[in-house]
Amino acid sequence: MTPATVKQAPKSNLRWLIAACAAALFALRAEPSWAAQYAAALPWDQTLDAIQDMLVGPVAHAAIALNFTLSAILYAIGSYPRAGRLLAGGVAAWTALIAVHLLTYLAPF
């Protein structure tokens, strides 16, 4: 039995790999964010909260109500498969909205 020879990577490829890994580690090192000193109240927080409240509140309720209404109209016309799909979408959106309200209740931060 002859021993199997193991080919080693050339030194130039190894050096390039070490240099690439070192550059990646240097570029991806963890540092505190520049905005960390203002983390308590960022200037856009109030605007984002208002948009979130609006989208979760009246806009979502209107979209779900419109979905159910159009589903009922399609069912009355006789387009049962489309009405079923639209109704399923309305139920899914309603369930997602309940989940958002539940998560907001459990973790209000």
Protein backbone atom coordinates (compact mmCIF):
# COMPACT_ATOMS: atom_id res chain seq x y z
CA MET A 1 0.00 0.00 0.00
CA THR A 2 1.38 3.36 -1.00
CA PRO A 3 0.66 6.41 1.09
CA ALA A 4 -1.71 8.88 -0.56
CA THR A 5 -0.18 12.21 -1.25
CA VAL A 6 -2.11 15.19 0.00
CA LYS A 7 -1.98 18.27 -2.15
CA GLN A 8 -1.58 21.47 -0.25
CA ALA A 9 -2.90 24.81 -1.39
CA PRO A 10 -0.28 27.09 -2.86
CA LYS A 11 1.11 29.68 -0.48
CA SER A 12 -0.16 32.57 -2.62
CA ASN A 13 -3.79 31.39 -2.28
CA LEU A 14 -3.38 30.91 1.46
CA ARG A 15 -1.98 34.41 1.90
CA TRP A 16 -4.80 35.87 -0.17
CA LEU A 17 -7.38 34.00 1.93
CA ILE A 18 -5.84 35.22 5.18
CA ALA A 19 -5.75 38.78 3.86
CA ALA A 20 -9.39 38.59 2.73
CA CYS A 21 -10.53 37.20 6.10
CA ALA A 22 -8.60 39.88 7.98
CA ALA A 23 -10.14 42.61 5.80
CA ALA A 24 -13.63 41.18 6.34
CA LEU A 25 -13.13 41.02 10.11
CA PHE A 26 -11.84 44.58 10.14
CA ALA A 27 -14.76 45.84 8.04
CA LEU A 28 -17.42 43.95 10.04
CA ARG A 29 -16.21 44.67 13.56
CA ALA A 30 -18.87 45.70 16.07
CA GLU A 31 -18.97 49.33 17.10
CA PRO A 32 -21.58 51.39 18.88
CA SER A 33 -24.00 53.14 16.57
CA TRP A 34 -23.58 56.85 16.01
CA ALA A 35 -27.22 57.31 16.97
CA ALA A 36 -26.82 55.39 20.24
CA GLN A 37 -26.50 58.62 22.21
CA TYR A 38 -29.92 59.70 20.94
CA ALA A 39 -31.57 56.29 21.39
CA ALA A 40 -34.17 57.59 23.84
CA ALA A 41 -35.89 59.90 21.36
CA LEU A 42 -34.91 59.92 17.72
CA PRO A 43 -36.39 62.76 15.65
CA TRP A 44 -38.45 60.48 13.40
CA ASP A 45 -39.89 58.25 16.13
CA GLN A 46 -43.05 60.30 16.58
CA THR A 47 -43.76 60.30 12.83
CA LEU A 48 -43.20 56.56 12.50
CA ASP A 49 -45.43 55.87 15.49
CA ALA A 50 -48.21 57.99 13.98
CA ILE A 51 -47.94 56.18 10.63
CA GLN A 52 -47.93 52.80 12.37
CA ASP A 53 -50.99 53.68 14.45
CA MET A 54 -52.81 54.90 11.36
CA LEU A 55 -51.98 51.77 9.31
CA VAL A 56 -52.92 49.37 12.11
CA GLY A 57 -56.03 51.36 13.00
CA PRO A 58 -58.50 52.86 10.53
CA VAL A 59 -56.68 51.93 7.32
CA ALA A 60 -56.48 48.23 8.22
CA HIS A 61 -60.09 48.13 9.40
CA ALA A 62 -61.29 49.83 6.20
CA ALA A 63 -59.28 47.45 4.00
CA ILE A 64 -60.63 44.38 5.81
CA ALA A 65 -64.21 45.68 5.69
CA LEU A 66 -63.85 46.42 1.96
CA ASN A 67 -62.45 42.92 1.46
CA PHE A 68 -65.44 41.31 3.17
CA THR A 69 -67.89 43.58 1.30
CA LEU A 70 -66.41 42.76 -2.10
CA SER A 71 -66.38 39.09 -1.18
CA ALA A 72 -70.11 39.23 -0.38
CA ILE A 73 -70.82 41.05 -3.66
CA LEU A 74 -68.87 38.45 -5.65
CA TYR A 75 -70.71 35.65 -3.84
CA ALA A 76 -74.07 37.28 -4.64
CA ILE A 77 -73.13 37.62 -8.31
CA GLY A 78 -72.25 33.93 -8.45
CA SER A 79 -68.46 34.01 -8.71
CA TYR A 80 -67.95 31.52 -5.90
CA PRO A 81 -64.22 30.68 -6.36
CA ARG A 82 -63.19 34.34 -6.47
CA ALA A 83 -65.44 35.16 -3.52
CA GLY A 84 -63.90 32.30 -1.54
CA ARG A 85 -60.37 33.49 -2.26
CA LEU A 86 -61.26 37.06 -1.35
CA LEU A 87 -62.94 35.89 1.84
CA ALA A 88 -59.84 33.84 2.74
CA GLY A 89 -57.70 36.94 2.19
CA GLY A 90 -59.99 38.96 4.45
CA VAL A 91 -59.85 36.34 7.18
CA ALA A 92 -56.04 36.21 6.88
CA ALA A 93 -55.76 40.00 7.13
CA TRP A 94 -58.14 40.05 10.08
CA THR A 95 -56.08 37.34 11.82
CA ALA A 96 -52.86 39.26 11.14
CA LEU A 97 -54.38 42.42 12.59
CA ILE A 98 -55.42 40.53 15.73
CA ALA A 99 -51.87 39.17 16.02
CA VAL A 100 -50.43 42.69 15.73
CA HIS A 101 -52.79 43.95 18.45
CA LEU A 102 -51.91 41.00 20.67
CA LEU A 103 -48.17 41.54 20.24
CA THR A 104 -48.59 45.25 20.92
CA TYR A 105 -50.50 44.40 24.11
CA LEU A 106 -47.90 41.86 25.27
CA ALA A 107 -44.82 43.92 24.42
CA PRO A 108 -45.71 47.62 24.28
CA PHE A 109 -42.11 48.77 23.82
